[in-house]
Amino acid sequence: MKNYKILSSTSEYKIKVWGENLGSLFNNSLLGMFNFINPVIKNNQEIRRDFAITAFDCELLLVNFLSEALYLSSVNKEYYFKANFNNISNTQASGFFVGYEIIKFNHGEIKAVTHHDLQIKNINNRLETQILFDI
């Protein structure tokens, strides 16, 4: 079951994401982001990339998390479909991304993850947010 929905138009890429907790919200956001750029996978050998991020609030932490995945993807020519967390709170997260080496991305490019109108809300015992990407 998908835990994100595309709300895009031709000039932007926007997704609505939900999860039972911060970890699942962050992972579903990661999937939604990489869905847009549609990778061509080089091989089925899983790779792992460590991350450790901090922020002053949960919303900025999500932006920093996705930005770190985007940066590592670009530098290492990789696609990430999951993050395993060693710890996650409203101001810090650490763990590793799980993904694959890629040949290329089939779709456009995400230039940045924006903080525009991003709010993480607890609605009906699940976390929800909307994320706007600069493409």
N, C-alpha and C. Protein backbone atom coordinates (compact mmCIF):
# COMPACT_ATOMS: atom_id res chain seq x y z
N MET A 1 0.83 -1.19 0.00
CA MET A 1 0.00 0.00 0.00
C MET A 1 0.87 1.24 0.00
N LYS A 2 0.60 2.15 -0.92
CA LYS A 2 1.33 3.41 -0.99
C LYS A 2 0.97 4.29 0.20
N ASN A 3 1.97 4.93 0.74
CA ASN A 3 1.75 5.84 1.84
C ASN A 3 2.13 7.27 1.47
N TYR A 4 2.00 7.56 0.18
CA TYR A 4 2.16 8.91 -0.31
C TYR A 4 1.28 9.07 -1.55
N LYS A 5 0.98 10.32 -1.85
CA LYS A 5 0.16 10.63 -3.02
C LYS A 5 0.78 11.82 -3.74
N ILE A 6 0.86 11.75 -5.05
CA ILE A 6 1.44 12.82 -5.85
C ILE A 6 0.39 13.92 -6.04
N LEU A 7 0.79 15.16 -5.76
CA LEU A 7 -0.08 16.32 -5.91
C LEU A 7 0.53 17.30 -6.91
N SER A 8 1.25 16.80 -7.89
CA SER A 8 2.07 17.66 -8.74
C SER A 8 1.30 18.32 -9.88
N SER A 9 1.93 19.36 -10.38
CA SER A 9 1.51 19.99 -11.62
C SER A 9 2.73 20.01 -12.53
N THR A 10 2.66 20.69 -13.66
CA THR A 10 3.78 20.68 -14.59
C THR A 10 4.97 21.49 -14.08
N SER A 11 4.75 22.42 -13.17
CA SER A 11 5.85 23.29 -12.74
C SER A 11 6.44 22.93 -11.38
N GLU A 12 5.88 21.93 -10.72
CA GLU A 12 6.39 21.54 -9.41
C GLU A 12 6.09 20.07 -9.17
N TYR A 13 6.73 19.54 -8.15
CA TYR A 13 6.44 18.18 -7.72
C TYR A 13 6.12 18.26 -6.24
N LYS A 14 4.91 17.86 -5.90
CA LYS A 14 4.44 17.94 -4.53
C LYS A 14 3.80 16.62 -4.15
N ILE A 15 4.10 16.16 -2.94
CA ILE A 15 3.52 14.91 -2.48
C ILE A 15 2.89 15.11 -1.10
N LYS A 16 1.87 14.34 -0.85
CA LYS A 16 1.28 14.23 0.48
C LYS A 16 1.73 12.88 1.01
N VAL A 17 2.23 12.88 2.24
CA VAL A 17 2.82 11.67 2.81
C VAL A 17 2.24 11.44 4.19
N TRP A 18 2.09 10.17 4.56
CA TRP A 18 1.64 9.85 5.90
C TRP A 18 2.39 8.63 6.41
N GLY A 19 2.39 8.50 7.74
CA GLY A 19 3.05 7.36 8.38
C GLY A 19 2.59 7.22 9.82
N GLU A 20 2.79 6.05 10.36
CA GLU A 20 2.36 5.76 11.74
C GLU A 20 3.26 6.44 12.77
N ASN A 21 4.51 6.71 12.39
CA ASN A 21 5.47 7.35 13.27
C ASN A 21 6.48 8.12 12.42
N LEU A 22 7.43 8.78 13.07
CA LEU A 22 8.41 9.57 12.31
C LEU A 22 9.19 8.72 11.33
N GLY A 23 9.63 7.55 11.75
CA GLY A 23 10.41 6.68 10.87
C GLY A 23 9.65 6.31 9.61
N SER A 24 8.40 5.93 9.75
CA SER A 24 7.62 5.56 8.56
C SER A 24 7.28 6.79 7.71
N LEU A 25 7.04 7.93 8.34
CA LEU A 25 6.80 9.16 7.58
C LEU A 25 8.03 9.54 6.76
N PHE A 26 9.20 9.46 7.36
CA PHE A 26 10.44 9.77 6.65
C PHE A 26 10.68 8.78 5.52
N ASN A 27 10.47 7.49 5.77
CA ASN A 27 10.67 6.48 4.72
C ASN A 27 9.69 6.65 3.57
N ASN A 28 8.44 6.94 3.87
CA ASN A 28 7.46 7.15 2.81
C ASN A 28 7.77 8.41 2.01
N SER A 29 8.32 9.42 2.67
CA SER A 29 8.75 10.64 1.97
C SER A 29 9.91 10.34 1.03
N LEU A 30 10.83 9.49 1.48
CA LEU A 30 11.96 9.07 0.66
C LEU A 30 11.47 8.36 -0.60
N LEU A 31 10.53 7.44 -0.45
CA LEU A 31 9.96 6.73 -1.60
C LEU A 31 9.26 7.68 -2.56
N GLY A 32 8.48 8.60 -2.01
CA GLY A 32 7.77 9.56 -2.84
C GLY A 32 8.71 10.45 -3.63
N MET A 33 9.82 10.85 -3.00
CA MET A 33 10.80 11.70 -3.69
C MET A 33 11.46 10.94 -4.83
N PHE A 34 11.95 9.73 -4.56
CA PHE A 34 12.65 8.98 -5.60
C PHE A 34 11.70 8.44 -6.67
N ASN A 35 10.41 8.36 -6.39
CA ASN A 35 9.44 7.97 -7.40
C ASN A 35 9.49 8.94 -8.59
N PHE A 36 9.66 10.21 -8.30
CA PHE A 36 9.67 11.22 -9.37
C PHE A 36 10.82 11.03 -10.35
N ILE A 37 11.99 10.70 -9.85
CA ILE A 37 13.16 10.64 -10.73
C ILE A 37 13.39 9.26 -11.34
N ASN A 38 12.60 8.27 -10.94
CA ASN A 38 12.51 6.98 -11.61
C ASN A 38 13.87 6.42 -12.06
N PRO A 39 14.61 5.77 -11.17
CA PRO A 39 15.96 5.32 -11.49
C PRO A 39 16.01 4.08 -12.38
N VAL A 40 17.09 3.99 -13.16
CA VAL A 40 17.45 2.76 -13.88
C VAL A 40 18.54 2.11 -13.05
N ILE A 41 18.22 0.97 -12.45
CA ILE A 41 19.13 0.32 -11.51
C ILE A 41 20.21 -0.45 -12.26
N LYS A 42 21.45 -0.29 -11.80
CA LYS A 42 22.60 -0.92 -12.43
C LYS A 42 22.65 -2.41 -12.13
N ASN A 43 22.46 -2.77 -10.87
CA ASN A 43 22.45 -4.18 -10.47
C ASN A 43 21.62 -4.32 -9.19
N ASN A 44 21.40 -5.54 -8.77
CA ASN A 44 20.57 -5.78 -7.59
C ASN A 44 21.37 -5.92 -6.30
N GLN A 45 22.60 -5.47 -6.31
CA GLN A 45 23.45 -5.50 -5.11
C GLN A 45 23.09 -4.31 -4.22
N GLU A 46 22.49 -4.58 -3.06
CA GLU A 46 22.11 -3.50 -2.15
C GLU A 46 23.34 -2.79 -1.59
N ILE A 47 23.24 -1.49 -1.47
CA ILE A 47 24.29 -0.69 -0.86
C ILE A 47 23.71 0.02 0.37
N ARG A 48 24.59 0.48 1.22
CA ARG A 48 24.19 1.21 2.42
C ARG A 48 25.04 2.46 2.53
N ARG A 49 24.40 3.56 2.92
CA ARG A 49 25.09 4.83 3.16
C ARG A 49 24.65 5.37 4.50
N ASP A 50 25.62 5.60 5.38
CA ASP A 50 25.32 6.15 6.69
C ASP A 50 24.89 7.61 6.60
N PHE A 51 24.06 8.02 7.54
CA PHE A 51 23.69 9.42 7.67
C PHE A 51 23.51 9.76 9.15
N ALA A 52 23.74 11.01 9.45
CA ALA A 52 23.48 11.57 10.78
C ALA A 52 23.12 13.03 10.56
N ILE A 53 21.91 13.40 10.92
CA ILE A 53 21.45 14.76 10.67
C ILE A 53 20.81 15.33 11.93
N THR A 54 20.84 16.65 12.00
CA THR A 54 20.20 17.35 13.11
C THR A 54 19.43 18.54 12.55
N ALA A 55 18.53 19.06 13.35
CA ALA A 55 17.75 20.24 12.97
C ALA A 55 17.11 20.80 14.23
N PHE A 56 16.57 22.00 14.14
CA PHE A 56 15.94 22.59 15.32
C PHE A 56 14.49 22.19 15.49
N ASP A 57 13.89 21.56 14.46
CA ASP A 57 12.53 21.03 14.61
C ASP A 57 12.32 19.88 13.64
N CYS A 58 11.19 19.23 13.78
CA CYS A 58 10.89 18.02 13.03
C CYS A 58 10.76 18.28 11.52
N GLU A 59 10.15 19.40 11.17
CA GLU A 59 9.97 19.72 9.75
C GLU A 59 11.31 19.93 9.05
N LEU A 60 12.19 20.69 9.70
CA LEU A 60 13.51 20.90 9.11
C LEU A 60 14.31 19.60 9.09
N LEU A 61 14.10 18.74 10.07
CA LEU A 61 14.77 17.45 10.08
C LEU A 61 14.37 16.63 8.85
N LEU A 62 13.09 16.66 8.50
CA LEU A 62 12.62 15.94 7.31
C LEU A 62 13.26 16.52 6.05
N VAL A 63 13.31 17.84 5.95
CA VAL A 63 13.95 18.49 4.80
C VAL A 63 15.43 18.10 4.73
N ASN A 64 16.12 18.14 5.85
CA ASN A 64 17.54 17.78 5.88
C ASN A 64 17.75 16.31 5.54
N PHE A 65 16.88 15.45 6.01
CA PHE A 65 16.93 14.01 5.72
C PHE A 65 16.81 13.76 4.22
N LEU A 66 15.80 14.35 3.60
CA LEU A 66 15.61 14.16 2.16
C LEU A 66 16.72 14.82 1.35
N SER A 67 17.19 15.97 1.81
CA SER A 67 18.30 16.66 1.12
C SER A 67 19.58 15.83 1.18
N GLU A 68 19.82 15.20 2.32
CA GLU A 68 20.99 14.33 2.46
C GLU A 68 20.88 13.14 1.51
N ALA A 69 19.71 12.54 1.40
CA ALA A 69 19.50 11.42 0.47
C ALA A 69 19.71 11.87 -0.97
N LEU A 70 19.22 13.05 -1.30
CA LEU A 70 19.39 13.59 -2.66
C LEU A 70 20.86 13.85 -2.96
N TYR A 71 21.56 14.43 -2.00
CA TYR A 71 22.99 14.71 -2.17
C TYR A 71 23.78 13.41 -2.36
N LEU A 72 23.58 12.45 -1.46
CA LEU A 72 24.30 11.18 -1.56
C LEU A 72 23.96 10.45 -2.85
N SER A 73 22.72 10.54 -3.28
CA SER A 73 22.30 9.92 -4.53
C SER A 73 23.05 10.51 -5.71
N SER A 74 23.17 11.82 -5.72
CA SER A 74 23.84 12.52 -6.81
C SER A 74 25.34 12.21 -6.84
N VAL A 75 25.98 12.28 -5.70
CA VAL A 75 27.42 12.07 -5.60
C VAL A 75 27.82 10.63 -5.91
N ASN A 76 27.02 9.68 -5.41
CA ASN A 76 27.38 8.26 -5.53
C ASN A 76 26.64 7.50 -6.63
N LYS A 77 25.77 8.19 -7.36
CA LYS A 77 24.96 7.56 -8.40
C LYS A 77 24.21 6.36 -7.84
N GLU A 78 23.38 6.67 -6.83
CA GLU A 78 22.61 5.66 -6.13
C GLU A 78 21.17 6.12 -5.96
N TYR A 79 20.32 5.14 -5.70
CA TYR A 79 18.90 5.36 -5.43
C TYR A 79 18.60 4.69 -4.10
N TYR A 80 17.85 5.38 -3.23
CA TYR A 80 17.55 4.82 -1.90
C TYR A 80 16.06 4.57 -1.78
N PHE A 81 15.71 3.38 -1.34
CA PHE A 81 14.31 3.03 -1.19
C PHE A 81 13.90 2.87 0.27
N LYS A 82 14.88 2.96 1.19
CA LYS A 82 14.57 2.77 2.60
C LYS A 82 15.67 3.37 3.45
N ALA A 83 15.28 3.79 4.66
CA ALA A 83 16.25 4.21 5.67
C ALA A 83 16.02 3.37 6.91
N ASN A 84 17.09 2.84 7.45
CA ASN A 84 17.04 2.15 8.75
C ASN A 84 17.59 3.12 9.78
N PHE A 85 16.82 3.36 10.82
CA PHE A 85 17.19 4.36 11.81
C PHE A 85 17.80 3.70 13.04
N ASN A 86 18.96 4.21 13.46
CA ASN A 86 19.53 3.85 14.76
C ASN A 86 18.80 4.64 15.84
N ASN A 87 18.52 5.90 15.54
CA ASN A 87 17.68 6.72 16.42
C ASN A 87 17.00 7.78 15.59
N ILE A 88 15.85 8.23 16.07
CA ILE A 88 15.13 9.32 15.42
C ILE A 88 14.31 10.03 16.49
N SER A 89 14.39 11.35 16.47
CA SER A 89 13.62 12.18 17.37
C SER A 89 13.16 13.40 16.58
N ASN A 90 12.59 14.38 17.23
CA ASN A 90 12.15 15.59 16.53
C ASN A 90 13.30 16.46 16.05
N THR A 91 14.52 16.24 16.56
CA THR A 91 15.64 17.10 16.19
C THR A 91 16.87 16.37 15.66
N GLN A 92 16.86 15.05 15.67
CA GLN A 92 18.01 14.33 15.13
C GLN A 92 17.62 12.94 14.63
N ALA A 93 18.40 12.48 13.67
CA ALA A 93 18.19 11.14 13.13
C ALA A 93 19.54 10.60 12.66
N SER A 94 19.74 9.32 12.87
CA SER A 94 20.94 8.66 12.36
C SER A 94 20.57 7.25 11.95
N GLY A 95 21.37 6.71 11.06
CA GLY A 95 21.13 5.37 10.56
C GLY A 95 21.80 5.20 9.22
N PHE A 96 21.17 4.44 8.34
CA PHE A 96 21.72 4.26 7.00
C PHE A 96 20.61 4.12 5.97
N PHE A 97 20.91 4.64 4.79
CA PHE A 97 20.03 4.49 3.63
C PHE A 97 20.33 3.15 2.99
N VAL A 98 19.32 2.50 2.44
CA VAL A 98 19.47 1.25 1.71
C VAL A 98 19.03 1.53 0.28
N GLY A 99 19.83 1.09 -0.68
CA GLY A 99 19.48 1.35 -2.07
C GLY A 99 20.30 0.54 -3.04
N TYR A 100 20.36 1.05 -4.27
CA TYR A 100 21.07 0.39 -5.36
C TYR A 100 21.87 1.40 -6.16
N GLU A 101 22.93 0.93 -6.79
CA GLU A 101 23.64 1.76 -7.77
C GLU A 101 22.72 1.95 -8.97
N ILE A 102 22.85 3.09 -9.59
CA ILE A 102 22.01 3.36 -10.77
C ILE A 102 22.87 3.69 -11.98
N ILE A 103 22.27 3.53 -13.14
CA ILE A 103 22.88 3.96 -14.39
C ILE A 103 22.50 5.41 -14.65
N LYS A 104 21.21 5.70 -14.46
CA LYS A 104 20.70 7.05 -14.67
C LYS A 104 19.32 7.16 -14.06
N PHE A 105 18.80 8.36 -14.06
CA PHE A 105 17.42 8.60 -13.69
C PHE A 105 16.63 8.82 -14.97
N ASN A 106 15.46 8.21 -15.08
CA ASN A 106 14.63 8.31 -16.28
C ASN A 106 13.87 9.62 -16.39
N HIS A 107 13.65 10.25 -15.28
CA HIS A 107 12.79 11.42 -15.24
C HIS A 107 13.60 12.67 -15.01
N GLY A 108 12.90 13.71 -14.69
CA GLY A 108 13.54 14.99 -14.39
C GLY A 108 14.42 14.93 -13.17
N GLU A 109 14.86 16.10 -12.79
CA GLU A 109 15.77 16.24 -11.68
C GLU A 109 15.10 17.01 -10.55
N ILE A 110 15.31 16.56 -9.35
CA ILE A 110 14.89 17.34 -8.19
C ILE A 110 16.09 18.17 -7.78
N LYS A 111 15.92 19.49 -7.81
CA LYS A 111 17.02 20.38 -7.46
C LYS A 111 17.13 20.58 -5.96
N ALA A 112 15.98 20.63 -5.28
CA ALA A 112 16.01 20.87 -3.84
C ALA A 112 14.70 20.43 -3.19
N VAL A 113 14.80 20.13 -1.92
CA VAL A 113 13.64 19.87 -1.08
C VAL A 113 13.33 21.20 -0.39
N THR A 114 12.11 21.67 -0.48
CA THR A 114 11.80 22.98 0.10
C THR A 114 11.13 22.84 1.47
N HIS A 115 11.19 23.91 2.20
CA HIS A 115 10.55 23.98 3.52
C HIS A 115 9.21 24.72 3.40
N HIS A 116 8.83 25.07 2.17
CA HIS A 116 7.64 25.87 1.90
C HIS A 116 6.37 25.19 2.42
N ASP A 117 5.70 25.82 3.38
CA ASP A 117 4.44 25.34 3.95
C ASP A 117 4.50 23.92 4.51
N LEU A 118 5.67 23.43 4.82
CA LEU A 118 5.79 22.07 5.33
C LEU A 118 5.44 22.05 6.82
N GLN A 119 4.45 21.27 7.16
CA GLN A 119 4.04 21.06 8.54
C GLN A 119 3.74 19.59 8.73
N ILE A 120 4.28 19.02 9.78
CA ILE A 120 3.96 17.65 10.12
C ILE A 120 2.84 17.70 11.15
N LYS A 121 1.72 17.07 10.81
CA LYS A 121 0.53 17.10 11.67
C LYS A 121 0.15 15.70 12.09
N ASN A 122 -0.41 15.59 13.29
CA ASN A 122 -0.95 14.33 13.76
C ASN A 122 -2.45 14.37 13.51
N ILE A 123 -2.90 13.57 12.54
CA ILE A 123 -4.31 13.52 12.17
C ILE A 123 -4.79 12.08 12.26
N ASN A 124 -5.79 11.85 13.10
CA ASN A 124 -6.35 10.51 13.29
C ASN A 124 -5.28 9.47 13.63
N ASN A 125 -4.39 9.83 14.55
CA ASN A 125 -3.33 8.94 15.04
C ASN A 125 -2.32 8.53 13.98
N ARG A 126 -2.13 9.37 12.99
CA ARG A 126 -1.04 9.15 12.05
C ARG A 126 -0.46 10.51 11.69
N LEU A 127 0.80 10.52 11.31
CA LEU A 127 1.47 11.75 10.92
C LEU A 127 1.26 11.99 9.44
N GLU A 128 1.02 13.25 9.08
CA GLU A 128 0.84 13.63 7.67
C GLU A 128 1.61 14.91 7.38
N THR A 129 2.05 15.03 6.16
CA THR A 129 2.69 16.26 5.70
C THR A 129 2.59 16.35 4.19
N GLN A 130 2.88 17.54 3.68
CA GLN A 130 3.00 17.76 2.25
C GLN A 130 4.37 18.35 2.00
N ILE A 131 5.04 17.85 0.96
CA ILE A 131 6.40 18.29 0.64
C ILE A 131 6.45 18.78 -0.79
N LEU A 132 7.01 19.97 -0.96
CA LEU A 132 7.16 20.58 -2.27
C LEU A 132 8.64 20.50 -2.68
N PHE A 133 8.88 20.00 -3.88
CA PHE A 133 10.24 19.84 -4.40
C PHE A 133 10.46 20.85 -5.52
N ASP A 134 11.64 21.44 -5.54
CA ASP A 134 12.04 22.33 -6.62
C ASP A 134 12.61 21.48 -7.74
N ILE A 135 11.96 21.52 -8.92
CA ILE A 135 12.42 20.67 -10.04
C ILE A 135 12.91 21.53 -11.19
